[in-house]
Amino acid sequence: MQPNDGERRFPRLDMNRPGVLENLDSGGQEHVSLINFSGDGMCIESDRPYVKATRVRLKMESWSNEKDSKSYDGEVRWCNAVKRKESRHYLIGLKIQPPELPNGSDDKNP
């Protein structure tokens, strides 16, 4: 398992929200559940395993407005199998990539 919250750089916020995970390396996509997130990562639950370092995009629908849906680009850091009843699921840790700044922007001077 992953280190406990006392060893984490950012606190986690638990959540159970549906999303769509797109594999940017292969082009496939699937429905997933967001389990929790922190300042630089997320844990999702998937029906299939992902290889470490796979580039992905997580698309989350807004609860209130479809126009407010968000996408997060990231990379798979770990994948652990979890058996639930008669099926197998996978918990996947994603490292979220910071958003790109517009050309000419300086991240030190917003």
C-alpha atoms as a PDB file:
ATOM      1  CA  MET A   1       0.000   0.000   0.000  1.00  0.00           C
ATOM      2  CA  GLN A   2       0.944   3.645  -0.243  1.00  0.00           C
ATOM      3  CA  PRO A   3       2.466   5.631   2.648  1.00  0.00           C
ATOM      4  CA  ASN A   4       0.034   6.985   5.231  1.00  0.00           C
ATOM      5  CA  ASP A   5      -1.124  10.606   5.221  1.00  0.00           C
ATOM      6  CA  GLY A   6       1.504  11.569   7.815  1.00  0.00           C
ATOM      7  CA  GLU A   7       4.204  10.928   5.204  1.00  0.00           C
ATOM      8  CA  ARG A   8       2.466  12.760   2.337  1.00  0.00           C
ATOM      9  CA  ARG A   9       3.478  16.098   0.923  1.00  0.00           C
ATOM     10  CA  PHE A  10      -0.170  17.205   0.436  1.00  0.00           C
ATOM     11  CA  PRO A  11      -3.290  16.131   2.356  1.00  0.00           C
ATOM     12  CA  ARG A  12      -5.825  13.931   0.561  1.00  0.00           C
ATOM     13  CA  LEU A  13      -9.480  14.750   0.039  1.00  0.00           C
ATOM     14  CA  ASP A  14     -11.730  11.712  -0.283  1.00  0.00           C
ATOM     15  CA  MET A  15     -14.220  11.744  -3.110  1.00  0.00           C
ATOM     16  CA  ASN A  16     -16.285   9.301  -5.124  1.00  0.00           C
ATOM     17  CA  ARG A  17     -16.922  10.847  -8.544  1.00  0.00           C
ATOM     18  CA  PRO A  18     -17.234   9.350 -12.005  1.00  0.00           C
ATOM     19  CA  GLY A  19     -14.880  10.365 -14.771  1.00  0.00           C
ATOM     20  CA  VAL A  20     -13.388   9.212 -18.048  1.00  0.00           C
ATOM     21  CA  LEU A  21      -9.720   8.210 -18.252  1.00  0.00           C
ATOM     22  CA  GLU A  22      -8.087   8.562 -21.650  1.00  0.00           C
ATOM     23  CA  ASN A  23      -4.839   6.700 -22.324  1.00  0.00           C
ATOM     24  CA  LEU A  24      -2.782   9.278 -24.228  1.00  0.00           C
ATOM     25  CA  ASP A  25      -0.254   6.606 -25.275  1.00  0.00           C
ATOM     26  CA  SER A  26      -2.757   4.167 -26.838  1.00  0.00           C
ATOM     27  CA  GLY A  27      -5.799   6.359 -27.443  1.00  0.00           C
ATOM     28  CA  GLY A  28      -8.231   4.157 -25.496  1.00  0.00           C
ATOM     29  CA  GLN A  29     -10.575   5.437 -22.824  1.00  0.00           C
ATOM     30  CA  GLU A  30     -12.794   4.066 -20.066  1.00  0.00           C
ATOM     31  CA  HIS A  31     -15.116   5.126 -17.274  1.00  0.00           C
ATOM     32  CA  VAL A  32     -13.386   5.312 -13.880  1.00  0.00           C
ATOM     33  CA  SER A  33     -14.104   6.562 -10.355  1.00  0.00           C
ATOM     34  CA  LEU A  34     -12.064   9.256  -8.650  1.00  0.00           C
ATOM     35  CA  ILE A  35     -11.359   7.977  -5.124  1.00  0.00           C
ATOM     36  CA  ASN A  36      -9.323  10.863  -3.712  1.00  0.00           C
ATOM     37  CA  PHE A  37      -7.053  13.709  -4.727  1.00  0.00           C
ATOM     38  CA  SER A  38      -4.320  15.915  -3.327  1.00  0.00           C
ATOM     39  CA  GLY A  39      -2.251  18.894  -4.441  1.00  0.00           C
ATOM     40  CA  ASP A  40      -0.291  16.911  -7.004  1.00  0.00           C
ATOM     41  CA  GLY A  41      -2.044  13.600  -7.541  1.00  0.00           C
ATOM     42  CA  MET A  42      -5.176  11.479  -7.637  1.00  0.00           C
ATOM     43  CA  CYS A  43      -6.235   7.941  -6.894  1.00  0.00           C
ATOM     44  CA  ILE A  44      -8.738   6.409  -9.292  1.00  0.00           C
ATOM     45  CA  GLU A  45     -10.440   3.028  -9.545  1.00  0.00           C
ATOM     46  CA  SER A  46     -10.443   1.266 -12.910  1.00  0.00           C
ATOM     47  CA  ASP A  47     -11.582  -2.045 -14.369  1.00  0.00           C
ATOM     48  CA  ARG A  48      -8.210  -2.525 -16.069  1.00  0.00           C
ATOM     49  CA  PRO A  49      -4.571  -2.164 -15.048  1.00  0.00           C
ATOM     50  CA  TYR A  50      -2.245   0.561 -16.305  1.00  0.00           C
ATOM     51  CA  VAL A  51       1.524   0.414 -16.678  1.00  0.00           C
ATOM     52  CA  LYS A  52       3.656   2.828 -14.679  1.00  0.00           C
ATOM     53  CA  ALA A  53       4.567   5.993 -16.668  1.00  0.00           C
ATOM     54  CA  THR A  54       1.511   5.707 -18.974  1.00  0.00           C
ATOM     55  CA  ARG A  55       0.380   9.214 -19.948  1.00  0.00           C
ATOM     56  CA  VAL A  56      -3.319   9.811 -19.242  1.00  0.00           C
ATOM     57  CA  ARG A  57      -6.008  12.512 -19.222  1.00  0.00           C
ATOM     58  CA  LEU A  58      -8.760  12.373 -16.606  1.00  0.00           C
ATOM     59  CA  LYS A  59     -11.982  14.132 -17.639  1.00  0.00           C
ATOM     60  CA  MET A  60     -14.336  15.082 -14.825  1.00  0.00           C
ATOM     61  CA  GLU A  61     -17.870  16.323 -15.438  1.00  0.00           C
ATOM     62  CA  SER A  62     -19.115  19.228 -13.362  1.00  0.00           C
ATOM     63  CA  TRP A  63     -22.009  18.468 -11.037  1.00  0.00           C
ATOM     64  CA  SER A  64     -23.714  21.734 -11.890  1.00  0.00           C
ATOM     65  CA  ASN A  65     -22.759  22.668 -15.445  1.00  0.00           C
ATOM     66  CA  GLU A  66     -21.396  20.618 -18.351  1.00  0.00           C
ATOM     67  CA  LYS A  67     -19.401  23.659 -19.540  1.00  0.00           C
ATOM     68  CA  ASP A  68     -17.467  23.583 -16.261  1.00  0.00           C
ATOM     69  CA  SER A  69     -16.062  20.081 -16.825  1.00  0.00           C
ATOM     70  CA  LYS A  70     -12.318  19.757 -16.155  1.00  0.00           C
ATOM     71  CA  SER A  71      -9.475  17.718 -17.619  1.00  0.00           C
ATOM     72  CA  TYR A  72      -6.265  16.773 -15.838  1.00  0.00           C
ATOM     73  CA  ASP A  73      -3.202  15.435 -17.637  1.00  0.00           C
ATOM     74  CA  GLY A  74      -1.017  13.099 -15.664  1.00  0.00           C
ATOM     75  CA  GLU A  75       1.127  10.009 -15.486  1.00  0.00           C
ATOM     76  CA  VAL A  76       0.509   6.647 -13.834  1.00  0.00           C
ATOM     77  CA  ARG A  77       2.797   6.255 -10.794  1.00  0.00           C
ATOM     78  CA  TRP A  78       1.462   2.954  -9.415  1.00  0.00           C
ATOM     79  CA  CYS A  79      -1.282   0.379  -9.992  1.00  0.00           C
ATOM     80  CA  ASN A  80      -2.551  -2.125  -7.394  1.00  0.00           C
ATOM     81  CA  ALA A  81      -5.080  -4.930  -7.947  1.00  0.00           C
ATOM     82  CA  VAL A  82      -8.043  -5.017  -5.555  1.00  0.00           C
ATOM     83  CA  LYS A  83     -10.476  -7.928  -5.449  1.00  0.00           C
ATOM     84  CA  ARG A  84     -14.096  -6.956  -4.855  1.00  0.00           C
ATOM     85  CA  LYS A  85     -16.669  -9.740  -4.660  1.00  0.00           C
ATOM     86  CA  GLU A  86     -16.257 -11.703  -7.888  1.00  0.00           C
ATOM     87  CA  SER A  87     -14.513  -9.015  -9.910  1.00  0.00           C
ATOM     88  CA  ARG A  88     -11.067  -7.500 -10.003  1.00  0.00           C
ATOM     89  CA  HIS A  89     -10.501  -3.750  -9.928  1.00  0.00           C
ATOM     90  CA  TYR A  90      -7.385  -1.611  -9.849  1.00  0.00           C
ATOM     91  CA  LEU A  91      -6.462   1.378  -7.754  1.00  0.00           C
ATOM     92  CA  ILE A  92      -4.227   3.668  -9.789  1.00  0.00           C
ATOM     93  CA  GLY A  93      -2.107   6.542  -8.530  1.00  0.00           C
ATOM     94  CA  LEU A  94      -1.757   9.477 -10.916  1.00  0.00           C
ATOM     95  CA  LYS A  95       0.804  12.260 -10.730  1.00  0.00           C
ATOM     96  CA  ILE A  96      -0.909  15.350 -12.135  1.00  0.00           C
ATOM     97  CA  GLN A  97       1.071  17.515 -14.532  1.00  0.00           C
ATOM     98  CA  PRO A  98       0.918  21.246 -13.807  1.00  0.00           C
ATOM     99  CA  PRO A  99      -1.031  23.205 -16.432  1.00  0.00           C
ATOM    100  CA  GLU A 100       1.025  24.828 -19.149  1.00  0.00           C
ATOM    101  CA  LEU A 101       1.329  28.590 -18.927  1.00  0.00           C
ATOM    102  CA  PRO A 102       0.564  30.704 -21.990  1.00  0.00           C
ATOM    103  CA  ASN A 103       3.605  31.707 -24.052  1.00  0.00           C
ATOM    104  CA  GLY A 104       5.451  34.628 -22.521  1.00  0.00           C
ATOM    105  CA  SER A 105       4.046  33.959 -19.046  1.00  0.00           C
ATOM    106  CA  ASP A 106       6.363  33.789 -16.083  1.00  0.00           C
ATOM    107  CA  ASP A 107       5.159  31.428 -13.356  1.00  0.00           C
ATOM    108  CA  LYS A 108       6.840  33.649 -10.752  1.00  0.00           C
ATOM    109  CA  ASN A 109       4.782  36.689 -11.820  1.00  0.00           C
ATOM    110  CA  PRO A 110       1.161  35.659 -12.467  1.00  0.00           C
END
